[in-house]
């Protein structure tokens, strides 16, 4: 519209079991936010 607004979903299957960092770099003059969540017992095929 007057500004661009996006909601996107990214994922990692079987992430490392040790502590990890998720970093997001926004290009240009953007404002954004990142939400992370971890789930267990997820079907790894689908």
ModelCIF file with pLDDT and N, C-alpha, C, O atoms, coordinates in Angstrom:
data_MODEL
#
_entry.id   MODEL 
#
_entity.id                         1 
_entity.type                       polymer 
_entity.pdbx_number_of_molecules   1 
#
_entity_poly.entity_id                      1 
_entity_poly.type                           'polypeptide(L)' 
_entity_poly.nstd_linkage                   no 
_entity_poly.nstd_monomer                   no 
_entity_poly.pdbx_seq_one_letter_code       
;(UNK)(UNK)(UNK)(UNK)(UNK)(UNK)(UNK)(UNK)(UNK)(UNK)(UNK)(UNK)(UNK)(UNK)(UNK)(UNK)
(UNK)(UNK)(UNK)(UNK)(UNK)(UNK)(UNK)(UNK)(UNK)(UNK)(UNK)(UNK)(UNK)(UNK)(UNK)(UNK)
(UNK)(UNK)(UNK)(UNK)(UNK)(UNK)(UNK)(UNK)(UNK)(UNK)(UNK)(UNK)(UNK)(UNK)
;
_entity_poly.pdbx_seq_one_letter_code_can   XXXXXXXXXXXXXXXXXXXXXXXXXXXXXXXXXXXXXXXXXXXXXX 
_entity_poly.pdbx_strand_id                 A 
#
loop_
_entity_poly_seq.entity_id 
_entity_poly_seq.num 
_entity_poly_seq.mon_id 
_entity_poly_seq.hetero 
1 1  UNK n 
1 2  UNK n 
1 3  UNK n 
1 4  UNK n 
1 5  UNK n 
1 6  UNK n 
1 7  UNK n 
1 8  UNK n 
1 9  UNK n 
1 10 UNK n 
1 11 UNK n 
1 12 UNK n 
1 13 UNK n 
1 14 UNK n 
1 15 UNK n 
1 16 UNK n 
1 17 UNK n 
1 18 UNK n 
1 19 UNK n 
1 20 UNK n 
1 21 UNK n 
1 22 UNK n 
1 23 UNK n 
1 24 UNK n 
1 25 UNK n 
1 26 UNK n 
1 27 UNK n 
1 28 UNK n 
1 29 UNK n 
1 30 UNK n 
1 31 UNK n 
1 32 UNK n 
1 33 UNK n 
1 34 UNK n 
1 35 UNK n 
1 36 UNK n 
1 37 UNK n 
1 38 UNK n 
1 39 UNK n 
1 40 UNK n 
1 41 UNK n 
1 42 UNK n 
1 43 UNK n 
1 44 UNK n 
1 45 UNK n 
1 46 UNK n 
#
_struct_asym.id          A 
_struct_asym.entity_id   1 
#
loop_
_ma_qa_metric.id 
_ma_qa_metric.mode 
_ma_qa_metric.name 
_ma_qa_metric.software_group_id 
_ma_qa_metric.type 
1 global pLDDT . pLDDT 
2 local  pLDDT . pLDDT 
#
_ma_qa_metric_global.metric_id      1 
_ma_qa_metric_global.metric_value   79.78 
_ma_qa_metric_global.model_id       1 
_ma_qa_metric_global.ordinal_id     1 
#
loop_
_ma_qa_metric_local.label_asym_id 
_ma_qa_metric_local.label_comp_id 
_ma_qa_metric_local.label_seq_id 
_ma_qa_metric_local.metric_id 
_ma_qa_metric_local.metric_value 
_ma_qa_metric_local.model_id 
_ma_qa_metric_local.ordinal_id 
A UNK 1  2 62.00 1 1  
A UNK 2  2 52.00 1 2  
A UNK 3  2 56.00 1 3  
A UNK 4  2 68.00 1 4  
A UNK 5  2 75.00 1 5  
A UNK 6  2 78.00 1 6  
A UNK 7  2 81.00 1 7  
A UNK 8  2 85.00 1 8  
A UNK 9  2 87.00 1 9  
A UNK 10 2 88.00 1 10 
A UNK 11 2 88.00 1 11 
A UNK 12 2 87.00 1 12 
A UNK 13 2 85.00 1 13 
A UNK 14 2 81.00 1 14 
A UNK 15 2 80.00 1 15 
A UNK 16 2 79.00 1 16 
A UNK 17 2 79.00 1 17 
A UNK 18 2 80.00 1 18 
A UNK 19 2 77.00 1 19 
A UNK 20 2 79.00 1 20 
A UNK 21 2 84.00 1 21 
A UNK 22 2 82.00 1 22 
A UNK 23 2 83.00 1 23 
A UNK 24 2 83.00 1 24 
A UNK 25 2 82.00 1 25 
A UNK 26 2 77.00 1 26 
A UNK 27 2 76.00 1 27 
A UNK 28 2 76.00 1 28 
A UNK 29 2 76.00 1 29 
A UNK 30 2 74.00 1 30 
A UNK 31 2 72.00 1 31 
A UNK 32 2 76.00 1 32 
A UNK 33 2 79.00 1 33 
A UNK 34 2 83.00 1 34 
A UNK 35 2 83.00 1 35 
A UNK 36 2 85.00 1 36 
A UNK 37 2 87.00 1 37 
A UNK 38 2 85.00 1 38 
A UNK 39 2 85.00 1 39 
A UNK 40 2 85.00 1 40 
A UNK 41 2 85.00 1 41 
A UNK 42 2 85.00 1 42 
A UNK 43 2 85.00 1 43 
A UNK 44 2 85.00 1 44 
A UNK 45 2 86.00 1 45 
A UNK 46 2 84.00 1 46 
#
loop_
_atom_site.group_PDB 
_atom_site.id 
_atom_site.type_symbol 
_atom_site.label_atom_id 
_atom_site.label_alt_id 
_atom_site.label_comp_id 
_atom_site.label_asym_id 
_atom_site.label_entity_id 
_atom_site.label_seq_id 
_atom_site.pdbx_PDB_ins_code 
_atom_site.Cartn_x 
_atom_site.Cartn_y 
_atom_site.Cartn_z 
_atom_site.occupancy 
_atom_site.B_iso_or_equiv 
_atom_site.pdbx_formal_charge 
_atom_site.auth_seq_id 
_atom_site.auth_comp_id 
_atom_site.auth_asym_id 
_atom_site.auth_atom_id 
_atom_site.pdbx_PDB_model_num 
ATOM 1   N N  . UNK A 1 1  ? 0.863  -1.177  0.000  1.00 62.00 ? 1  UNK A N  1 
ATOM 2   C CA . UNK A 1 1  ? 0.000  0.000   0.000  1.00 62.00 ? 1  UNK A CA 1 
ATOM 3   C C  . UNK A 1 1  ? 0.894  1.219   0.000  1.00 62.00 ? 1  UNK A C  1 
ATOM 4   O O  . UNK A 1 1  ? 1.749  1.368   -0.873 1.00 62.00 ? 1  UNK A O  1 
ATOM 5   N N  . UNK A 1 2  ? 0.700  2.095   0.978  1.00 52.00 ? 2  UNK A N  1 
ATOM 6   C CA . UNK A 1 2  ? 1.585  3.250   1.113  1.00 52.00 ? 2  UNK A CA 1 
ATOM 7   C C  . UNK A 1 2  ? 3.000  2.805   1.478  1.00 52.00 ? 2  UNK A C  1 
ATOM 8   O O  . UNK A 1 2  ? 3.981  3.432   1.077  1.00 52.00 ? 2  UNK A O  1 
ATOM 9   N N  . UNK A 1 3  ? 3.094  1.723   2.239  1.00 56.00 ? 3  UNK A N  1 
ATOM 10  C CA . UNK A 1 3  ? 4.383  1.134   2.613  1.00 56.00 ? 3  UNK A CA 1 
ATOM 11  C C  . UNK A 1 3  ? 4.298  -0.356  2.308  1.00 56.00 ? 3  UNK A C  1 
ATOM 12  O O  . UNK A 1 3  ? 3.204  -0.905  2.174  1.00 56.00 ? 3  UNK A O  1 
ATOM 13  N N  . UNK A 1 4  ? 5.439  -1.000  2.201  1.00 68.00 ? 4  UNK A N  1 
ATOM 14  C CA . UNK A 1 4  ? 5.429  -2.448  1.993  1.00 68.00 ? 4  UNK A CA 1 
ATOM 15  C C  . UNK A 1 4  ? 5.406  -3.147  3.344  1.00 68.00 ? 4  UNK A C  1 
ATOM 16  O O  . UNK A 1 4  ? 6.190  -2.810  4.231  1.00 68.00 ? 4  UNK A O  1 
ATOM 17  N N  . UNK A 1 5  ? 4.518  -4.111  3.505  1.00 75.00 ? 5  UNK A N  1 
ATOM 18  C CA . UNK A 1 5  ? 4.379  -4.881  4.738  1.00 75.00 ? 5  UNK A CA 1 
ATOM 19  C C  . UNK A 1 5  ? 4.465  -6.365  4.385  1.00 75.00 ? 5  UNK A C  1 
ATOM 20  O O  . UNK A 1 5  ? 3.757  -6.835  3.494  1.00 75.00 ? 5  UNK A O  1 
ATOM 21  N N  . UNK A 1 6  ? 5.316  -7.089  5.070  1.00 78.00 ? 6  UNK A N  1 
ATOM 22  C CA . UNK A 1 6  ? 5.521  -8.499  4.773  1.00 78.00 ? 6  UNK A CA 1 
ATOM 23  C C  . UNK A 1 6  ? 5.493  -9.331  6.042  1.00 78.00 ? 6  UNK A C  1 
ATOM 24  O O  . UNK A 1 6  ? 5.932  -8.882  7.100  1.00 78.00 ? 6  UNK A O  1 
ATOM 25  N N  . UNK A 1 7  ? 4.975  -10.546 5.929  1.00 81.00 ? 7  UNK A N  1 
ATOM 26  C CA . UNK A 1 7  ? 5.100  -11.554 6.970  1.00 81.00 ? 7  UNK A CA 1 
ATOM 27  C C  . UNK A 1 7  ? 5.591  -12.813 6.264  1.00 81.00 ? 7  UNK A C  1 
ATOM 28  O O  . UNK A 1 7  ? 4.915  -13.324 5.372  1.00 81.00 ? 7  UNK A O  1 
ATOM 29  N N  . UNK A 1 8  ? 6.753  -13.313 6.652  1.00 85.00 ? 8  UNK A N  1 
ATOM 30  C CA . UNK A 1 8  ? 7.333  -14.504 6.043  1.00 85.00 ? 8  UNK A CA 1 
ATOM 31  C C  . UNK A 1 8  ? 7.676  -15.519 7.115  1.00 85.00 ? 8  UNK A C  1 
ATOM 32  O O  . UNK A 1 8  ? 7.944  -15.155 8.260  1.00 85.00 ? 8  UNK A O  1 
ATOM 33  N N  . UNK A 1 9  ? 7.668  -16.803 6.744  1.00 87.00 ? 9  UNK A N  1 
ATOM 34  C CA . UNK A 1 9  ? 8.013  -17.882 7.670  1.00 87.00 ? 9  UNK A CA 1 
ATOM 35  C C  . UNK A 1 9  ? 9.177  -18.679 7.084  1.00 87.00 ? 9  UNK A C  1 
ATOM 36  O O  . UNK A 1 9  ? 9.127  -19.135 5.942  1.00 87.00 ? 9  UNK A O  1 
ATOM 37  N N  . UNK A 1 10 ? 10.220 -18.836 7.889  1.00 88.00 ? 10 UNK A N  1 
ATOM 38  C CA . UNK A 1 10 ? 11.376 -19.652 7.548  1.00 88.00 ? 10 UNK A CA 1 
ATOM 39  C C  . UNK A 1 10 ? 11.505 -20.740 8.617  1.00 88.00 ? 10 UNK A C  1 
ATOM 40  O O  . UNK A 1 10 ? 11.011 -20.568 9.731  1.00 88.00 ? 10 UNK A O  1 
ATOM 41  N N  . UNK A 1 11 ? 12.160 -21.853 8.293  1.00 88.00 ? 11 UNK A N  1 
ATOM 42  C CA . UNK A 1 11 ? 12.307 -22.919 9.271  1.00 88.00 ? 11 UNK A CA 1 
ATOM 43  C C  . UNK A 1 11 ? 13.613 -23.684 9.085  1.00 88.00 ? 11 UNK A C  1 
ATOM 44  O O  . UNK A 1 11 ? 14.255 -23.623 8.037  1.00 88.00 ? 11 UNK A O  1 
ATOM 45  N N  . UNK A 1 12 ? 13.980 -24.408 10.144 1.00 87.00 ? 12 UNK A N  1 
ATOM 46  C CA . UNK A 1 12 ? 15.131 -25.313 10.128 1.00 87.00 ? 12 UNK A CA 1 
ATOM 47  C C  . UNK A 1 12 ? 14.645 -26.644 10.680 1.00 87.00 ? 12 UNK A C  1 
ATOM 48  O O  . UNK A 1 12 ? 14.118 -26.699 11.791 1.00 87.00 ? 12 UNK A O  1 
ATOM 49  N N  . UNK A 1 13 ? 14.816 -27.718 9.914  1.00 85.00 ? 13 UNK A N  1 
ATOM 50  C CA . UNK A 1 13 ? 14.504 -29.052 10.430 1.00 85.00 ? 13 UNK A CA 1 
ATOM 51  C C  . UNK A 1 13 ? 15.746 -29.599 11.123 1.00 85.00 ? 13 UNK A C  1 
ATOM 52  O O  . UNK A 1 13 ? 16.865 -29.421 10.642 1.00 85.00 ? 13 UNK A O  1 
ATOM 53  N N  . UNK A 1 14 ? 15.543 -30.257 12.244 1.00 81.00 ? 14 UNK A N  1 
ATOM 54  C CA . UNK A 1 14 ? 16.634 -30.862 13.010 1.00 81.00 ? 14 UNK A CA 1 
ATOM 55  C C  . UNK A 1 14 ? 17.774 -29.880 13.268 1.00 81.00 ? 14 UNK A C  1 
ATOM 56  O O  . UNK A 1 14 ? 18.904 -30.125 12.847 1.00 81.00 ? 14 UNK A O  1 
ATOM 57  N N  . UNK A 1 15 ? 17.489 -28.766 13.959 1.00 80.00 ? 15 UNK A N  1 
ATOM 58  C CA . UNK A 1 15 ? 18.559 -27.802 14.238 1.00 80.00 ? 15 UNK A CA 1 
ATOM 59  C C  . UNK A 1 15 ? 19.571 -28.391 15.223 1.00 80.00 ? 15 UNK A C  1 
ATOM 60  O O  . UNK A 1 15 ? 19.291 -29.401 15.868 1.00 80.00 ? 15 UNK A O  1 
ATOM 61  N N  . UNK A 1 16 ? 20.737 -27.771 15.340 1.00 79.00 ? 16 UNK A N  1 
ATOM 62  C CA . UNK A 1 16 ? 21.734 -28.251 16.309 1.00 79.00 ? 16 UNK A CA 1 
ATOM 63  C C  . UNK A 1 16 ? 21.150 -28.253 17.721 1.00 79.00 ? 16 UNK A C  1 
ATOM 64  O O  . UNK A 1 16 ? 20.325 -27.403 18.057 1.00 79.00 ? 16 UNK A O  1 
ATOM 65  N N  . UNK A 1 17 ? 21.576 -29.196 18.536 1.00 79.00 ? 17 UNK A N  1 
ATOM 66  C CA . UNK A 1 17 ? 21.058 -29.279 19.902 1.00 79.00 ? 17 UNK A CA 1 
ATOM 67  C C  . UNK A 1 17 ? 21.745 -28.297 20.835 1.00 79.00 ? 17 UNK A C  1 
ATOM 68  O O  . UNK A 1 17 ? 21.237 -28.023 21.922 1.00 79.00 ? 17 UNK A O  1 
ATOM 69  N N  . UNK A 1 18 ? 22.898 -27.760 20.428 1.00 80.00 ? 18 UNK A N  1 
ATOM 70  C CA . UNK A 1 18 ? 23.566 -26.763 21.263 1.00 80.00 ? 18 UNK A CA 1 
ATOM 71  C C  . UNK A 1 18 ? 22.990 -25.386 20.961 1.00 80.00 ? 18 UNK A C  1 
ATOM 72  O O  . UNK A 1 18 ? 22.231 -25.222 20.005 1.00 80.00 ? 18 UNK A O  1 
ATOM 73  N N  . UNK A 1 19 ? 23.343 -24.413 21.762 1.00 77.00 ? 19 UNK A N  1 
ATOM 74  C CA . UNK A 1 19 ? 22.850 -23.054 21.571 1.00 77.00 ? 19 UNK A CA 1 
ATOM 75  C C  . UNK A 1 19 ? 23.175 -22.513 20.192 1.00 77.00 ? 19 UNK A C  1 
ATOM 76  O O  . UNK A 1 19 ? 24.287 -22.695 19.696 1.00 77.00 ? 19 UNK A O  1 
ATOM 77  N N  . UNK A 1 20 ? 22.229 -21.860 19.582 1.00 79.00 ? 20 UNK A N  1 
ATOM 78  C CA . UNK A 1 20 ? 22.414 -21.297 18.248 1.00 79.00 ? 20 UNK A CA 1 
ATOM 79  C C  . UNK A 1 20 ? 21.902 -19.863 18.223 1.00 79.00 ? 20 UNK A C  1 
ATOM 80  O O  . UNK A 1 20 ? 21.084 -19.472 19.056 1.00 79.00 ? 20 UNK A O  1 
ATOM 81  N N  . UNK A 1 21 ? 22.384 -19.090 17.273 1.00 84.00 ? 21 UNK A N  1 
ATOM 82  C CA . UNK A 1 21 ? 21.943 -17.715 17.100 1.00 84.00 ? 21 UNK A CA 1 
ATOM 83  C C  . UNK A 1 21 ? 21.241 -17.585 15.765 1.00 84.00 ? 21 UNK A C  1 
ATOM 84  O O  . UNK A 1 21 ? 21.751 -18.047 14.744 1.00 84.00 ? 21 UNK A O  1 
ATOM 85  N N  . UNK A 1 22 ? 20.072 -16.957 15.764 1.00 82.00 ? 22 UNK A N  1 
ATOM 86  C CA . UNK A 1 22 ? 19.377 -16.641 14.524 1.00 82.00 ? 22 UNK A CA 1 
ATOM 87  C C  . UNK A 1 22 ? 19.518 -15.140 14.324 1.00 82.00 ? 22 UNK A C  1 
ATOM 88  O O  . UNK A 1 22 ? 19.118 -14.351 15.180 1.00 82.00 ? 22 UNK A O  1 
ATOM 89  N N  . UNK A 1 23 ? 20.085 -14.753 13.196 1.00 83.00 ? 23 UNK A N  1 
ATOM 90  C CA . UNK A 1 23 ? 20.306 -13.337 12.902 1.00 83.00 ? 23 UNK A CA 1 
ATOM 91  C C  . UNK A 1 23 ? 19.564 -12.979 11.624 1.00 83.00 ? 23 UNK A C  1 
ATOM 92  O O  . UNK A 1 23 ? 19.521 -13.768 10.680 1.00 83.00 ? 23 UNK A O  1 
ATOM 93  N N  . UNK A 1 24 ? 18.983 -11.795 11.597 1.00 83.00 ? 24 UNK A N  1 
ATOM 94  C CA . UNK A 1 24 ? 18.254 -11.320 10.430 1.00 83.00 ? 24 UNK A CA 1 
ATOM 95  C C  . UNK A 1 24 ? 18.794 -9.953  10.059 1.00 83.00 ? 24 UNK A C  1 
ATOM 96  O O  . UNK A 1 24 ? 18.859 -9.053  10.897 1.00 83.00 ? 24 UNK A O  1 
ATOM 97  N N  . UNK A 1 25 ? 19.182 -9.798  8.804  1.00 82.00 ? 25 UNK A N  1 
ATOM 98  C CA . UNK A 1 25 ? 19.702 -8.521  8.334  1.00 82.00 ? 25 UNK A CA 1 
ATOM 99  C C  . UNK A 1 25 ? 18.722 -7.947  7.331  1.00 82.00 ? 25 UNK A C  1 
ATOM 100 O O  . UNK A 1 25 ? 18.409 -8.585  6.326  1.00 82.00 ? 25 UNK A O  1 
ATOM 101 N N  . UNK A 1 26 ? 18.234 -6.741  7.599  1.00 77.00 ? 26 UNK A N  1 
ATOM 102 C CA . UNK A 1 26 ? 17.297 -6.068  6.709  1.00 77.00 ? 26 UNK A CA 1 
ATOM 103 C C  . UNK A 1 26 ? 18.085 -5.120  5.807  1.00 77.00 ? 26 UNK A C  1 
ATOM 104 O O  . UNK A 1 26 ? 18.908 -4.340  6.286  1.00 77.00 ? 26 UNK A O  1 
ATOM 105 N N  . UNK A 1 27 ? 17.830 -5.189  4.511  1.00 76.00 ? 27 UNK A N  1 
ATOM 106 C CA . UNK A 1 27 ? 18.506 -4.307  3.568  1.00 76.00 ? 27 UNK A CA 1 
ATOM 107 C C  . UNK A 1 27 ? 17.718 -3.026  3.361  1.00 76.00 ? 27 UNK A C  1 
ATOM 108 O O  . UNK A 1 27 ? 16.489 -3.023  3.443  1.00 76.00 ? 27 UNK A O  1 
ATOM 109 N N  . UNK A 1 28 ? 18.426 -1.940  3.092  1.00 76.00 ? 28 UNK A N  1 
ATOM 110 C CA . UNK A 1 28 ? 17.749 -0.682  2.820  1.00 76.00 ? 28 UNK A CA 1 
ATOM 111 C C  . UNK A 1 28 ? 17.214 -0.025  4.069  1.00 76.00 ? 28 UNK A C  1 
ATOM 112 O O  . UNK A 1 28 ? 17.668 -0.315  5.176  1.00 76.00 ? 28 UNK A O  1 
ATOM 113 N N  . UNK A 1 29 ? 16.254 0.855   3.896  1.00 76.00 ? 29 UNK A N  1 
ATOM 114 C CA . UNK A 1 29 ? 15.662 1.603   5.002  1.00 76.00 ? 29 UNK A CA 1 
ATOM 115 C C  . UNK A 1 29 ? 14.424 0.867   5.496  1.00 76.00 ? 29 UNK A C  1 
ATOM 116 O O  . UNK A 1 29 ? 13.298 1.267   5.199  1.00 76.00 ? 29 UNK A O  1 
ATOM 117 N N  . UNK A 1 30 ? 14.631 -0.199  6.243  1.00 74.00 ? 30 UNK A N  1 
ATOM 118 C CA . UNK A 1 30 ? 13.534 -1.045  6.692  1.00 74.00 ? 30 UNK A CA 1 
ATOM 119 C C  . UNK A 1 30 ? 13.474 -1.125  8.207  1.00 74.00 ? 30 UNK A C  1 
ATOM 120 O O  . UNK A 1 30 ? 14.489 -0.995  8.891  1.00 74.00 ? 30 UNK A O  1 
ATOM 121 N N  . UNK A 1 31 ? 12.287 -1.338  8.714  1.00 72.00 ? 31 UNK A N  1 
ATOM 122 C CA . UNK A 1 31 ? 12.086 -1.629  10.124 1.00 72.00 ? 31 UNK A CA 1 
ATOM 123 C C  . UNK A 1 31 ? 11.455 -3.016  10.193 1.00 72.00 ? 31 UNK A C  1 
ATOM 124 O O  . UNK A 1 31 ? 10.536 -3.316  9.432  1.00 72.00 ? 31 UNK A O  1 
ATOM 125 N N  . UNK A 1 32 ? 11.932 -3.843  11.079 1.00 76.00 ? 32 UNK A N  1 
ATOM 126 C CA . UNK A 1 32 ? 11.386 -5.192  11.147 1.00 76.00 ? 32 UNK A CA 1 
ATOM 127 C C  . UNK A 1 32 ? 11.547 -5.800  12.514 1.00 76.00 ? 32 UNK A C  1 
ATOM 128 O O  . UNK A 1 32 ? 12.159 -5.225  13.414 1.00 76.00 ? 32 UNK A O  1 
ATOM 129 N N  . UNK A 1 33 ? 10.993 -6.953  12.641 1.00 79.00 ? 33 UNK A N  1 
ATOM 130 C CA . UNK A 1 33 ? 11.105 -7.715  13.873 1.00 79.00 ? 33 UNK A CA 1 
ATOM 131 C C  . UNK A 1 33 ? 11.221 -9.185  13.547 1.00 79.00 ? 33 UNK A C  1 
ATOM 132 O O  . UNK A 1 33 ? 10.853 -9.619  12.456 1.00 79.00 ? 33 UNK A O  1 
ATOM 133 N N  . UNK A 1 34 ? 11.730 -9.949  14.486 1.00 83.00 ? 34 UNK A N  1 
ATOM 134 C CA . UNK A 1 34 ? 11.916 -11.377 14.291 1.00 83.00 ? 34 UNK A CA 1 
ATOM 135 C C  . UNK A 1 34 ? 11.375 -12.102 15.514 1.00 83.00 ? 34 UNK A C  1 
ATOM 136 O O  . UNK A 1 34 ? 11.659 -11.714 16.647 1.00 83.00 ? 34 UNK A O  1 
ATOM 137 N N  . UNK A 1 35 ? 10.609 -13.138 15.290 1.00 83.00 ? 35 UNK A N  1 
ATOM 138 C CA . UNK A 1 35 ? 10.112 -13.994 16.366 1.00 83.00 ? 35 UNK A CA 1 
ATOM 139 C C  . UNK A 1 35 ? 10.618 -15.404 16.094 1.00 83.00 ? 35 UNK A C  1 
ATOM 140 O O  . UNK A 1 35 ? 10.508 -15.901 14.973 1.00 83.00 ? 35 UNK A O  1 
ATOM 141 N N  . UNK A 1 36 ? 11.169 -16.044 17.113 1.00 85.00 ? 36 UNK A N  1 
ATOM 142 C CA . UNK A 1 36 ? 11.632 -17.419 16.948 1.00 85.00 ? 36 UNK A CA 1 
ATOM 143 C C  . UNK A 1 36 ? 10.879 -18.338 17.903 1.00 85.00 ? 36 UNK A C  1 
ATOM 144 O O  . UNK A 1 36 ? 10.435 -17.921 18.972 1.00 85.00 ? 36 UNK A O  1 
ATOM 145 N N  . UNK A 1 37 ? 10.745 -19.591 17.495 1.00 87.00 ? 37 UNK A N  1 
ATOM 146 C CA . UNK A 1 37 ? 10.092 -20.594 18.332 1.00 87.00 ? 37 UNK A CA 1 
ATOM 147 C C  . UNK A 1 37 ? 10.736 -21.941 18.046 1.00 87.00 ? 37 UNK A C  1 
ATOM 148 O O  . UNK A 1 37 ? 11.228 -22.186 16.944 1.00 87.00 ? 37 UNK A O  1 
ATOM 149 N N  . UNK A 1 38 ? 10.728 -22.798 19.033 1.00 85.00 ? 38 UNK A N  1 
ATOM 150 C CA . UNK A 1 38 ? 11.278 -24.133 18.887 1.00 85.00 ? 38 UNK A CA 1 
ATOM 151 C C  . UNK A 1 38 ? 10.223 -25.152 19.303 1.00 85.00 ? 38 UNK A C  1 
ATOM 152 O O  . UNK A 1 38 ? 9.570  -24.986 20.333 1.00 85.00 ? 38 UNK A O  1 
ATOM 153 N N  . UNK A 1 39 ? 10.058 -26.193 18.515 1.00 85.00 ? 39 UNK A N  1 
ATOM 154 C CA . UNK A 1 39 ? 9.065  -27.237 18.792 1.00 85.00 ? 39 UNK A CA 1 
ATOM 155 C C  . UNK A 1 39 ? 9.756  -28.591 18.776 1.00 85.00 ? 39 UNK A C  1 
ATOM 156 O O  . UNK A 1 39 ? 10.726 -28.789 18.044 1.00 85.00 ? 39 UNK A O  1 
ATOM 157 N N  . UNK A 1 40 ? 9.265  -29.516 19.577 1.00 85.00 ? 40 UNK A N  1 
ATOM 158 C CA . UNK A 1 40 ? 9.838  -30.864 19.583 1.00 85.00 ? 40 UNK A CA 1 
ATOM 159 C C  . UNK A 1 40 ? 8.799  -31.864 19.114 1.00 85.00 ? 40 UNK A C  1 
ATOM 160 O O  . UNK A 1 40 ? 7.605  -31.567 19.085 1.00 85.00 ? 40 UNK A O  1 
ATOM 161 N N  . UNK A 1 41 ? 9.263  -33.059 18.745 1.00 85.00 ? 41 UNK A N  1 
ATOM 162 C CA . UNK A 1 41 ? 8.425  -34.142 18.227 1.00 85.00 ? 41 UNK A CA 1 
ATOM 163 C C  . UNK A 1 41 ? 7.695  -33.736 16.951 1.00 85.00 ? 41 UNK A C  1 
ATOM 164 O O  . UNK A 1 41 ? 6.524  -34.071 16.769 1.00 85.00 ? 41 UNK A O  1 
ATOM 165 N N  . UNK A 1 42 ? 8.382  -33.017 16.072 1.00 85.00 ? 42 UNK A N  1 
ATOM 166 C CA . UNK A 1 42 ? 7.814  -32.590 14.795 1.00 85.00 ? 42 UNK A CA 1 
ATOM 167 C C  . UNK A 1 42 ? 8.140  -33.638 13.739 1.00 85.00 ? 42 UNK A C  1 
ATOM 168 O O  . UNK A 1 42 ? 9.257  -34.154 13.693 1.00 85.00 ? 42 UNK A O  1 
ATOM 169 N N  . UNK A 1 43 ? 7.165  -33.950 12.892 1.00 85.00 ? 43 UNK A N  1 
ATOM 170 C CA . UNK A 1 43 ? 7.373  -34.875 11.775 1.00 85.00 ? 43 UNK A CA 1 
ATOM 171 C C  . UNK A 1 43 ? 8.451  -34.289 10.865 1.00 85.00 ? 43 UNK A C  1 
ATOM 172 O O  . UNK A 1 43 ? 8.243  -33.225 10.283 1.00 85.00 ? 43 UNK A O  1 
ATOM 173 N N  . UNK A 1 44 ? 9.592  -34.952 10.729 1.00 85.00 ? 44 UNK A N  1 
ATOM 174 C CA . UNK A 1 44 ? 10.708 -34.431 9.952  1.00 85.00 ? 44 UNK A CA 1 
ATOM 175 C C  . UNK A 1 44 ? 10.508 -34.597 8.447  1.00 85.00 ? 44 UNK A C  1 
ATOM 176 O O  . UNK A 1 44 ? 11.173 -33.920 7.663  1.00 85.00 ? 44 UNK A O  1 
ATOM 177 N N  . UNK A 1 45 ? 9.613  -35.478 8.034  1.00 86.00 ? 45 UNK A N  1 
ATOM 178 C CA . UNK A 1 45 ? 9.341  -35.658 6.614  1.00 86.00 ? 45 UNK A CA 1 
ATOM 179 C C  . UNK A 1 45 ? 8.366  -34.601 6.109  1.00 86.00 ? 45 UNK A C  1 
ATOM 180 O O  . UNK A 1 45 ? 8.599  -33.985 5.069  1.00 86.00 ? 45 UNK A O  1 
ATOM 181 N N  . UNK A 1 46 ? 7.280  -34.392 6.838  1.00 84.00 ? 46 UNK A N  1 
ATOM 182 C CA . UNK A 1 46 ? 6.255  -33.409 6.460  1.00 84.00 ? 46 UNK A CA 1 
ATOM 183 C C  . UNK A 1 46 ? 5.934  -32.555 7.679  1.00 84.00 ? 46 UNK A C  1 
ATOM 184 O O  . UNK A 1 46 ? 5.096  -31.657 7.600  1.00 84.00 ? 46 UNK A O  1 
#
